[in-house]
Structures are given as structure tokens and as C-alpha cells.
Protein backbone atom coordinates (compact mmCIF):
# COMPACT_ATOMS: atom_id res chain seq x y z
CA MET A 1 199.68 -47.04 142.18
CA ALA A 2 199.60 -47.81 138.47
CA ASP A 3 203.09 -49.36 138.50
CA LYS A 4 202.48 -53.08 139.00
CA SER A 5 206.17 -53.75 139.70
CA PHE A 6 206.16 -51.36 142.67
CA ASN A 7 204.91 -52.76 145.97
CA PRO A 8 204.61 -50.00 148.58
CA PHE A 9 204.18 -52.46 151.46
CA GLU A 10 207.44 -54.21 150.60
CA MET A 11 209.09 -50.78 150.54
CA ALA A 12 207.60 -49.90 153.95
CA GLN A 13 208.80 -53.22 155.37
CA ALA A 14 212.29 -52.72 153.91
CA GLN A 15 212.48 -49.29 155.56
CA PHE A 16 211.35 -50.82 158.85
CA ASP A 17 213.83 -53.72 158.64
CA HIS A 18 216.69 -51.26 158.14
CA VAL A 19 215.73 -49.29 161.25
CA ALA A 20 215.01 -52.45 163.27
CA ASP A 21 218.66 -53.38 162.65
CA LEU A 22 219.84 -49.96 163.81
CA LEU A 23 217.70 -50.24 166.97
CA LYS A 24 218.70 -53.89 167.46
CA LEU A 25 215.04 -54.84 168.00
CA ASP A 26 214.31 -58.35 169.27
CA GLU A 27 212.59 -60.86 166.99
CA GLY A 28 209.23 -60.59 168.76
CA THR A 29 209.04 -56.81 168.34
CA ARG A 30 210.16 -57.08 164.70
CA GLY A 31 207.54 -59.72 164.01
CA LEU A 32 204.80 -57.58 165.56
CA LEU A 33 205.68 -54.27 163.92
CA ARG A 34 206.52 -55.36 160.35
CA VAL A 35 202.96 -56.63 159.78
CA ASN A 36 199.53 -55.21 160.55
CA GLN A 37 197.52 -56.15 163.63
CA ARG A 38 194.18 -56.32 161.80
CA GLU A 39 192.88 -56.14 158.22
CA TYR A 40 189.33 -55.88 156.92
CA HIS A 41 188.34 -56.65 153.32
CA MET A 42 184.77 -55.91 152.26
CA SER A 43 182.36 -55.88 149.33
CA ILE A 44 180.09 -52.84 149.10
CA PRO A 45 177.02 -53.28 146.84
CA VAL A 46 175.66 -49.99 145.47
CA HIS A 47 172.46 -49.35 143.50
CA MET A 48 173.78 -47.18 140.68
CA ASP A 49 171.88 -44.33 139.04
CA ASP A 50 171.28 -46.45 135.93
CA GLY A 51 169.40 -49.07 138.00
CA ASN A 52 172.18 -51.66 138.05
CA VAL A 53 173.96 -52.89 141.19
CA LYS A 54 177.75 -52.56 141.24
CA VAL A 55 179.96 -54.10 143.91
CA PHE A 56 182.97 -52.09 145.10
CA ARG A 57 185.96 -53.53 146.96
CA GLY A 58 186.93 -51.82 150.21
CA PHE A 59 189.68 -52.16 152.82
CA ARG A 60 190.60 -51.04 156.32
CA VAL A 61 193.95 -51.85 157.91
CA GLN A 62 194.91 -51.20 161.55
CA HIS A 63 198.68 -51.48 161.82
CA ASN A 64 199.32 -50.85 165.51
CA ASP A 65 197.38 -49.28 168.38
CA ALA A 66 199.87 -49.61 171.24
CA ARG A 67 200.09 -45.80 171.65
CA GLY A 68 196.40 -45.06 171.05
CA PRO A 69 193.45 -45.64 168.68
CA ALA A 70 194.33 -46.33 165.04
CA LYS A 71 194.21 -43.19 162.88
CA GLY A 72 194.28 -42.79 159.14
CA GLY A 73 192.53 -41.68 155.99
CA ILE A 74 190.23 -43.35 153.47
CA ARG A 75 191.22 -43.17 149.82
CA PHE A 76 188.94 -43.49 146.78
CA HIS A 77 191.09 -44.54 143.83
CA PRO A 78 190.53 -46.80 140.79
CA MET A 79 193.99 -48.38 141.26
CA GLU A 80 193.76 -48.85 145.02
CA THR A 81 195.37 -52.04 146.34
CA ILE A 82 195.54 -53.73 149.72
CA ASP A 83 199.34 -53.41 149.68
CA THR A 84 199.08 -49.64 149.27
CA VAL A 85 196.69 -49.49 152.23
CA ARG A 86 198.97 -51.77 154.31
CA ALA A 87 201.97 -49.53 153.64
CA LEU A 88 200.06 -46.35 154.43
CA ALA A 89 198.76 -47.83 157.70
CA MET A 90 202.31 -48.66 158.77
CA TRP A 91 203.56 -45.18 157.80
CA MET A 92 200.69 -43.67 159.81
CA THR A 93 201.93 -45.46 162.94
CA TRP A 94 205.37 -43.91 162.53
CA LYS A 95 203.86 -40.53 161.62
CA CYS A 96 201.80 -40.32 164.82
CA ALA A 97 204.80 -41.46 166.87
CA VAL A 98 207.32 -39.03 165.37
CA VAL A 99 205.13 -36.01 166.25
CA ASP A 100 204.35 -37.69 169.61
CA ILE A 101 200.55 -37.77 169.49
CA PRO A 102 198.71 -40.61 171.30
CA LEU A 103 197.43 -42.44 168.23
CA GLY A 104 198.37 -45.51 166.20
CA GLY A 105 198.30 -46.17 162.47
CA GLY A 106 195.41 -47.15 160.23
CA LYS A 107 194.33 -46.66 156.62
CA GLY A 108 191.35 -47.40 154.42
CA GLY A 109 190.39 -47.43 150.78
CA VAL A 110 187.77 -48.22 148.19
CA VAL A 111 188.54 -49.24 144.61
CA CYS A 112 186.49 -46.65 142.69
CA ASP A 113 186.86 -43.54 140.56
CA PRO A 114 184.84 -40.58 141.91
CA HIS A 115 185.31 -38.83 138.56
CA HIS A 116 182.74 -41.25 137.13
CA LEU A 117 180.35 -41.46 140.09
CA SER A 118 177.46 -39.17 141.00
CA MET A 119 177.38 -37.67 144.49
CA ARG A 120 174.53 -40.05 145.37
CA GLU A 121 176.60 -43.05 144.32
CA GLN A 122 179.58 -41.78 146.32
CA GLU A 123 177.33 -41.32 149.36
CA GLN A 124 176.18 -44.94 149.07
CA ILE A 125 179.80 -46.13 148.99
CA CYS A 126 180.57 -44.08 152.12
CA ARG A 127 177.58 -45.42 154.03
CA GLY A 128 178.22 -48.99 152.83
CA TRP A 129 181.86 -48.80 153.99
CA ILE A 130 180.74 -47.71 157.45
CA ARG A 131 178.05 -50.38 157.70
CA GLN A 132 180.71 -53.03 157.11
CA LEU A 133 183.01 -51.59 159.78
CA SER A 134 180.71 -50.07 162.41
CA ARG A 135 181.75 -52.61 165.07
CA ASP A 136 185.46 -52.17 164.39
CA ILE A 137 185.94 -48.38 164.44
CA GLY A 138 185.10 -45.72 167.02
CA PRO A 139 186.55 -42.71 168.90
CA LEU A 140 188.55 -45.03 171.17
CA ARG A 141 189.34 -47.73 168.62
CA ASP A 142 189.96 -46.44 165.07
CA VAL A 143 189.38 -42.91 163.75
CA PRO A 144 189.16 -42.53 159.92
CA ALA A 145 189.73 -39.29 157.98
CA PRO A 146 189.76 -38.05 154.35
CA ASP A 147 192.58 -38.87 151.96
CA VAL A 148 193.02 -39.07 148.17
CA MET A 149 189.76 -38.09 146.41
CA THR A 150 187.67 -38.02 149.61
CA SER A 151 186.40 -34.83 151.21
CA PRO A 152 184.72 -33.39 154.34
CA GLN A 153 181.37 -34.23 152.73
CA HIS A 154 182.34 -37.91 152.47
CA MET A 155 183.37 -37.86 156.13
CA LEU A 156 180.04 -36.32 157.17
CA TRP A 157 178.09 -39.05 155.37
CA MET A 158 180.23 -41.64 157.15
CA LEU A 159 179.71 -39.97 160.52
CA ASP A 160 175.95 -39.78 159.97
CA GLU A 161 175.79 -43.50 159.10
CA PHE A 162 177.91 -44.43 162.13
CA GLU A 163 175.81 -42.33 164.53
CA THR A 164 172.59 -43.72 163.03
CA ILE A 165 173.79 -47.29 163.62
CA ARG A 166 174.99 -46.53 167.15
CA GLY A 167 172.04 -44.31 168.05
CA GLU A 168 174.22 -41.65 169.71
CA ARG A 169 176.32 -38.61 168.92
CA LEU A 170 179.97 -39.60 168.45
CA PRO A 171 181.63 -36.80 166.43
CA GLY A 172 185.12 -37.92 167.49
CA VAL A 173 184.87 -41.11 165.41
CA ILE A 174 185.88 -39.36 162.18
CA THR A 175 188.03 -36.30 161.51
CA GLY A 176 188.25 -34.00 158.51
CA LYS A 177 184.56 -33.10 158.83
CA PRO A 178 183.12 -29.76 157.67
CA VAL A 179 183.62 -26.82 160.03
CA GLY A 180 180.39 -26.35 161.97
CA MET A 181 179.70 -30.08 161.91
CA GLY A 182 182.53 -31.12 164.21
CA GLY A 183 185.38 -30.13 161.91
CA SER A 184 188.37 -28.10 163.06
CA LEU A 185 189.39 -24.73 161.72
CA GLY A 186 192.82 -25.02 160.09
CA ARG A 187 192.38 -28.66 159.07
CA THR A 188 192.18 -27.78 155.36
CA GLU A 189 195.55 -26.02 155.50
CA ALA A 190 197.21 -28.34 158.01
CA THR A 191 199.12 -30.84 155.84
CA GLY A 192 200.44 -28.30 153.35
CA TYR A 193 201.31 -25.79 156.06
CA GLY A 194 203.04 -28.53 158.05
CA VAL A 195 205.26 -29.30 155.05
CA VAL A 196 206.34 -25.67 154.88
CA PHE A 197 206.91 -25.40 158.65
CA THR A 198 209.52 -28.13 158.23
CA ILE A 199 211.00 -26.50 155.10
CA ARG A 200 211.29 -23.23 157.03
CA GLU A 201 213.22 -25.00 159.81
CA ALA A 202 215.48 -26.78 157.30
CA LEU A 203 216.28 -23.47 155.59
CA LYS A 204 217.18 -21.98 158.98
CA GLU A 205 219.50 -24.92 159.62
CA LEU A 206 221.13 -24.47 156.21
CA ASN A 207 221.29 -20.70 156.78
CA ILE A 208 219.40 -19.94 153.55
CA PRO A 209 216.80 -17.11 153.46
CA ALA A 210 213.48 -18.40 152.12
CA SER A 211 213.26 -15.31 149.89
CA ASP A 212 216.33 -16.56 147.99
CA THR A 213 214.74 -19.91 147.11
CA THR A 214 212.56 -21.40 144.39
CA ALA A 215 210.57 -24.62 144.47
CA SER A 216 208.93 -27.16 142.16
CA VAL A 217 205.87 -29.11 143.31
CA GLN A 218 204.44 -32.46 142.20
CA GLY A 219 200.64 -32.46 142.48
CA PHE A 220 198.10 -29.67 142.82
CA GLY A 221 195.65 -31.11 145.32
CA ASN A 222 194.96 -29.86 148.81
CA VAL A 223 198.46 -30.56 150.20
CA SER A 224 200.32 -28.89 147.37
CA GLN A 225 198.03 -25.87 147.14
CA TYR A 226 198.42 -24.96 150.80
CA ALA A 227 202.14 -25.74 150.77
CA ILE A 228 202.50 -23.27 147.89
CA GLU A 229 200.35 -20.73 149.75
CA LEU A 230 202.50 -20.72 152.89
CA TYR A 231 205.78 -21.04 150.98
CA GLN A 232 204.89 -17.88 149.09
CA GLN A 233 203.95 -16.18 152.37
CA ILE A 234 207.48 -16.80 153.69
CA TRP A 235 208.70 -15.22 150.41
CA GLY A 236 209.70 -18.36 148.54
CA LYS A 237 208.85 -18.67 144.83
CA VAL A 238 207.25 -21.70 143.14
CA ILE A 239 208.00 -21.96 139.42
CA CYS A 240 206.47 -25.34 138.50
CA VAL A 241 203.57 -27.58 139.51
CA SER A 242 202.36 -30.86 138.01
CA CYS A 243 198.99 -32.60 138.08
CA TRP A 244 196.95 -35.39 136.52
CA ASP A 245 194.86 -34.53 133.45
CA GLN A 246 191.66 -36.58 133.59
CA THR A 247 190.74 -35.92 129.94
CA ASP A 248 194.10 -36.96 128.50
CA GLN A 249 194.69 -39.63 131.19
CA THR A 250 198.24 -38.44 131.74
CA SER A 251 200.04 -35.85 133.84
CA TYR A 252 201.51 -32.50 132.84
CA SER A 253 203.81 -29.96 134.48
CA TYR A 254 202.95 -26.26 134.33
CA ARG A 255 205.89 -23.88 134.53
CA LYS A 256 206.17 -20.12 134.84
CA LYS A 257 209.76 -19.09 135.52
CA ASN A 258 208.85 -15.80 137.19
CA GLY A 259 206.60 -17.68 139.65
CA VAL A 260 203.19 -19.32 139.48
CA ASP A 261 200.12 -17.33 140.56
CA LEU A 262 198.34 -19.58 143.06
CA GLN A 263 194.95 -17.87 142.90
CA GLU A 264 195.11 -17.82 139.11
CA LEU A 265 195.81 -21.57 139.00
CA ARG A 266 193.13 -22.33 141.58
CA SER A 267 190.58 -20.54 139.38
CA ILE A 268 191.20 -23.02 136.54
CA THR A 269 191.46 -26.18 138.69
CA ASP A 270 188.78 -28.82 139.27
CA ARG A 271 187.90 -30.27 142.68
CA PHE A 272 190.39 -33.12 142.21
CA GLY A 273 193.33 -30.77 141.64
CA GLY A 274 193.34 -31.04 137.84
CA ILE A 275 194.47 -27.88 136.04
CA ASP A 276 192.71 -26.91 132.78
CA LYS A 277 195.53 -27.26 130.25
CA LYS A 278 194.05 -24.94 127.61
CA LYS A 279 193.37 -22.12 130.09
CA ALA A 280 196.83 -22.52 131.65
CA LYS A 281 198.43 -22.09 128.23
CA GLU A 282 196.37 -18.94 127.65
CA LEU A 283 197.67 -17.59 130.99
CA GLY A 284 201.26 -18.02 129.85
CA TYR A 285 202.24 -21.31 131.46
CA GLU A 286 204.61 -23.67 129.66
CA ILE A 287 203.02 -27.12 129.31
CA LEU A 288 205.68 -29.77 129.99
CA PRO A 289 205.64 -33.57 130.45
CA GLY A 290 204.29 -34.83 133.77
CA ASP A 291 207.66 -35.73 135.27
CA ALA A 292 209.30 -32.42 134.29
CA TRP A 293 208.65 -31.06 137.82
CA ILE A 294 211.58 -33.14 139.12
CA GLU A 295 214.05 -31.73 136.57
CA GLN A 296 213.60 -28.06 137.46
CA ASP A 297 216.59 -25.93 138.47
CA VAL A 298 215.24 -25.07 141.94
CA ASP A 299 216.34 -25.17 145.60
CA VAL A 300 213.37 -27.15 146.97
CA LEU A 301 211.45 -30.13 145.58
CA ILE A 302 208.04 -30.97 147.07
CA PRO A 303 206.62 -34.31 145.88
CA GLY A 304 203.09 -33.68 147.12
CA ALA A 305 200.70 -36.18 145.49
CA ILE A 306 201.32 -39.93 145.27
CA GLU A 307 203.93 -42.56 146.06
CA ASN A 308 206.79 -43.89 143.89
CA GLN A 309 207.77 -40.61 142.19
CA ILE A 310 211.49 -40.33 142.99
CA THR A 311 212.95 -43.62 141.82
CA ALA A 312 216.33 -44.98 140.73
CA GLN A 313 215.44 -43.73 137.23
CA THR A 314 214.08 -40.26 138.06
CA VAL A 315 216.51 -39.33 140.87
CA THR A 316 219.25 -38.77 138.27
CA LYS A 317 217.15 -35.94 136.79
CA ILE A 318 217.28 -33.87 140.02
CA SER A 319 219.17 -30.60 139.49
CA LYS A 320 222.51 -30.05 141.26
CA ARG A 321 220.96 -26.89 142.70
CA VAL A 322 218.38 -28.78 144.81
CA LYS A 323 219.14 -28.50 148.53
CA ILE A 324 215.93 -29.75 150.16
CA ILE A 325 213.34 -32.42 149.35
CA ALA A 326 210.19 -32.21 151.49
CA GLU A 327 207.89 -35.20 151.02
CA GLY A 328 204.33 -33.89 151.11
CA ALA A 329 203.13 -37.24 149.71
CA ASN A 330 203.38 -40.65 151.38
CA GLY A 331 206.17 -42.87 150.09
CA PRO A 332 207.25 -40.78 147.08
CA THR A 333 210.90 -41.87 147.29
CA THR A 334 212.13 -45.44 146.80
CA PRO A 335 215.03 -46.85 148.88
CA ASP A 336 217.30 -46.90 145.79
CA ALA A 337 216.66 -43.19 145.21
CA ASP A 338 217.18 -42.48 148.92
CA LYS A 339 220.75 -43.76 148.68
CA VAL A 340 221.51 -41.33 145.85
CA ILE A 341 219.90 -38.40 147.68
CA HIS A 342 221.88 -39.22 150.84
CA GLU A 343 225.15 -39.46 148.89
CA ARG A 344 224.46 -36.10 147.23
CA GLY A 345 223.92 -34.44 150.60
CA ILE A 346 220.42 -33.19 149.81
CA PHE A 347 218.49 -32.36 153.00
CA MET A 348 215.63 -34.89 153.04
CA ILE A 349 212.52 -34.16 155.14
CA PRO A 350 210.87 -37.62 155.15
CA ASP A 351 207.20 -38.08 154.44
CA PHE A 352 206.00 -39.18 157.86
CA LEU A 353 207.58 -36.05 159.37
CA ALA A 354 206.96 -33.54 156.57
CA ASN A 355 203.29 -34.35 156.04
CA ALA A 356 202.37 -35.12 159.65
CA GLY A 357 200.53 -31.79 159.91
CA GLY A 358 197.35 -33.45 158.65
CA VAL A 359 197.17 -36.15 161.30
CA THR A 360 198.30 -33.71 163.98
CA CYS A 361 195.40 -31.40 163.17
CA SER A 362 193.09 -34.42 162.96
CA TYR A 363 194.19 -35.22 166.50
CA PHE A 364 193.34 -31.64 167.49
CA GLU A 365 189.91 -32.08 165.86
CA GLN A 366 189.33 -35.31 167.77
CA VAL A 367 190.27 -33.60 171.06
CA GLN A 368 187.92 -30.70 170.31
CA CYS A 369 185.04 -33.06 169.42
CA ASN A 370 185.51 -35.18 172.53
CA MET A 371 185.44 -32.17 174.85
CA ASN A 372 182.85 -30.27 172.74
CA TYR A 373 184.93 -27.10 172.73
CA PHE A 374 186.42 -25.70 169.53
CA TRP A 375 189.48 -23.48 169.13
CA GLU A 376 190.03 -20.45 166.91
CA LYS A 377 192.00 -20.96 163.70
CA ASP A 378 195.09 -19.09 164.90
CA GLU A 379 195.21 -21.29 167.99
CA VAL A 380 194.98 -24.47 165.90
CA LEU A 381 197.72 -23.39 163.48
CA GLY A 382 199.86 -22.10 166.35
CA LYS A 383 199.67 -25.47 168.11
CA LEU A 384 200.41 -27.18 164.78
CA ASP A 385 203.51 -25.02 164.24
CA THR A 386 204.74 -25.87 167.75
CA LYS A 387 204.24 -29.63 167.24
CA MET A 388 205.84 -29.72 163.78
CA THR A 389 208.80 -27.57 164.81
CA SER A 390 209.41 -29.67 167.92
CA ALA A 391 209.29 -32.91 165.91
CA PHE A 392 211.60 -31.53 163.20
CA THR A 393 214.12 -30.35 165.79
CA ALA A 394 214.20 -33.73 167.54
CA VAL A 395 214.77 -35.58 164.26
CA SER A 396 217.39 -33.14 162.99
CA GLU A 397 219.34 -33.20 166.27
CA LEU A 398 219.35 -37.01 166.33
CA ALA A 399 220.48 -37.11 162.69
CA LYS A 400 223.46 -34.90 163.56
CA LYS A 401 224.22 -36.72 166.82
CA ARG A 402 224.14 -40.22 165.29
CA LYS A 403 225.46 -39.00 161.90
CA VAL A 404 222.56 -40.68 160.10
CA TYR A 405 220.23 -39.77 157.24
CA MET A 406 217.16 -37.71 158.22
CA ARG A 407 214.78 -40.52 157.27
CA ASP A 408 216.71 -42.94 159.48
CA ALA A 409 216.65 -40.47 162.36
CA ALA A 410 212.87 -40.01 162.06
CA TYR A 411 212.41 -43.79 161.97
CA LEU A 412 214.67 -44.29 164.99
CA ILE A 413 212.49 -41.94 167.04
CA ALA A 414 209.14 -43.24 165.77
CA VAL A 415 209.82 -46.97 165.78
CA GLY A 416 211.58 -46.66 169.12
CA ARG A 417 208.51 -45.05 170.69
CA VAL A 418 206.11 -47.67 169.31
CA ALA A 419 208.41 -50.57 170.27
CA GLN A 420 208.67 -49.18 173.79
CA ALA A 421 204.86 -48.92 174.07
CA CYS A 422 204.48 -52.55 172.93
CA LYS A 423 207.10 -53.66 175.45
CA GLU A 424 205.55 -51.71 178.33
CA ARG A 425 202.12 -53.22 177.55
CA GLY A 426 203.66 -56.68 177.78
CA TRP A 427 202.92 -57.54 174.16
CA VAL A 428 206.53 -58.53 173.47
């Protein structure tokens, strides 16, 4: 988000325009789907711990709800922009459609840095955000969830504020809540595990045993940690991870050629996914520049943190050995880089398929809340595996049938489903 020249919403629209041409969508449907149905901009005044009042900017975007209530996370980030939120809302629509769950796309954000806010101040931002939007969200209208630098605790504060305003219990209004307070078992693991479910299926298709592969991962937050966990369980080896260093205000890559020790790294990581550089060095990790993760001589690349990481400049650094790119993050690859990846024949698992495990499990959480009956963890993860595998298979088969790039195939399925819903409702 720090790159001012990069506009994620323009990228999302360019991706949509390309697929709209392939689907030969009419002008009305194109006009409806390439912009968002509703946007909310808000100012959130907060009484800070030092006695001053600070006003934070917040957003909520609902891209399309033809297939069901809008669904999407809330990000706390100092560089948050409305265009980032717009793009993520659009991608959420396609994400819900490609895994065929009855939800639409939404996204929210607040321009703030939780690193420099007390928990009380963060709670006030959460409650203020809900107060501004209490009439425009709900279990049957728009269902928020955690995202970058927000947690189950943030979601619980939001739920409490919403229920206080409404004067009733409505646990299905927000997902990603703590287990025992309406949260679902398996939700913590869901996005990262979903990424690896799709990698597993891609390896099967390429006839490569997972035990013969190595991977490099960008980011060390929730998604990346659980992707590494499951990837190691299927006998793959991760040799490099990168993360943001809050002290130095830059990113570093941490490499151990014989394989990183996940538990070891977790023990020296803060709650935002930042690895302690000094302790990592003591444990034998090589400290490399932040973008070194993309240059590693591995079979699988997992961009698992933020957008705009594989660009026309960085795609040339990808090793000839790389066979699969699985986008754990939203929008990590630019259209220019996509062309190069396609030409090189690298198996691309696009973001809104690869990382759809999170929203799929959020949907499971919503279902459980609404019927007040909660499943065991194995049941949740089993259902998640089934959904992700089914979605991957449909996209892969269409890609082979139409002889198109995996991202295009995923878009053809997702956009086609949403366009059909809009047409059947009589909107276009």
C-alpha cells in the first residue's frame, strides 16, 4: 500500500475487464460489476490515553450482494486507502463465487497503526466504526470479519457494540470471533490451510510428490504461519520467510536452507507477525533483504502478506525451478507480471481461489451462529477441504478445457456466477 503509483482498484478493474471480454458481458452487467454498489466513508473521533481527541478515517465498501449478504474483513493499516478497500471488496465477490458460497463481496478499513495504539484506543476505534455503520450491516446484509492487523478481540468488541445498539443477540453479524463467543473452531487455520489444500491438488496434477518440494513464503502473519504448518505436515520444506520489521521500518527475509523451524520462529515473533531479527540470527537464520524471498531456488512460492509483490520488476527474479505460485495474499501479482508467469508455464493458483479458505470458514461460522449449533474442528476442516478441493478442480478443469490461464479460468467461473445472479434478479 506504500507504493503511490500502484492503484489496486485499477488493477482489479483491469482484471475484470479482461474477463468481461472473454464472457462477452453486456454493457449493463459490465457497468454494474466493475464498480461498487455502496461505499461508506466515516470519521471516528477517539479520546486518546493522553487526553487528546484524534479523528481516524474509516471505510466500508459493499461491492455486490446479488448472491447473498456482503462479506469481508476490516483492516487496520496506517497506509490504508479507499482504492485498496474497493479492490478488496471486488475480489471478495469473486472469492465467494468461485467457492460457491451464498455471499457477496465487502471490505472495510481504518487508517491507523495498532503498533502505536493501546488496547483501549483500539477498542474505541472498533466501537466507533460500528456506531457509524450499525444501520448498514447485519447478518442478512453485510458481515464483517478480521483482516490485516485486526483480531478476534477486535471482532468481539464490534459485536458487543452492535448488539448493544440493536438490543438483541446477533452473533452472525461478524465472523472471526473468539471460540466460545460465537467463533468457529478451525477459523484460525482456515486461510493458510486452504492455500495448502490447493497446492496439494496442484502438485497432484503436476505429478510431483510434496516431499520432493521446497517453498519460500512472503509474510509471517496468520496466513503464512498456518500455510507453513500444513505444508510441512504434507512433507514439504520451507526454506525462507519474510516479514516486516517494525523497529527498522523495513522488511527482511529469513533463510535456513535445511528448512525453517516453525515453532522456533513463532517463539520469537510478535503478534503482528514480526520476527525478532537478533534472535533469528542467533538461531542460525541468514538475514537477507526483504524481497529475497522471491529469488529463492524453490518449487513453490507463496506470497502471503500484502498486494503488489510480484511486479514487472520482481517477476524476473523468480527462479527457473519454481513450478507453482499460490497467492495467499490478495492481489500480490500485477497484470504485467501475470503475463510473464503465464508465458513461463508456472502453475498459478490465483488469490481469490488460493486464499478463499478464510471466507469459506467465515461462512461456516455464520451458519453455526445462525443455527446456534457448533461443529467440531475436524468437521470444520473436513468441510473446508471438500469446498477448496471442489473449487480448485472446477477451475483447473476449465483452464484445461478452454486452454486459458488459471486466473482467467477462476474469473470466468466467479464473474459468470455473479453476472447470472444479477440477470436472474432482473438488475440487468
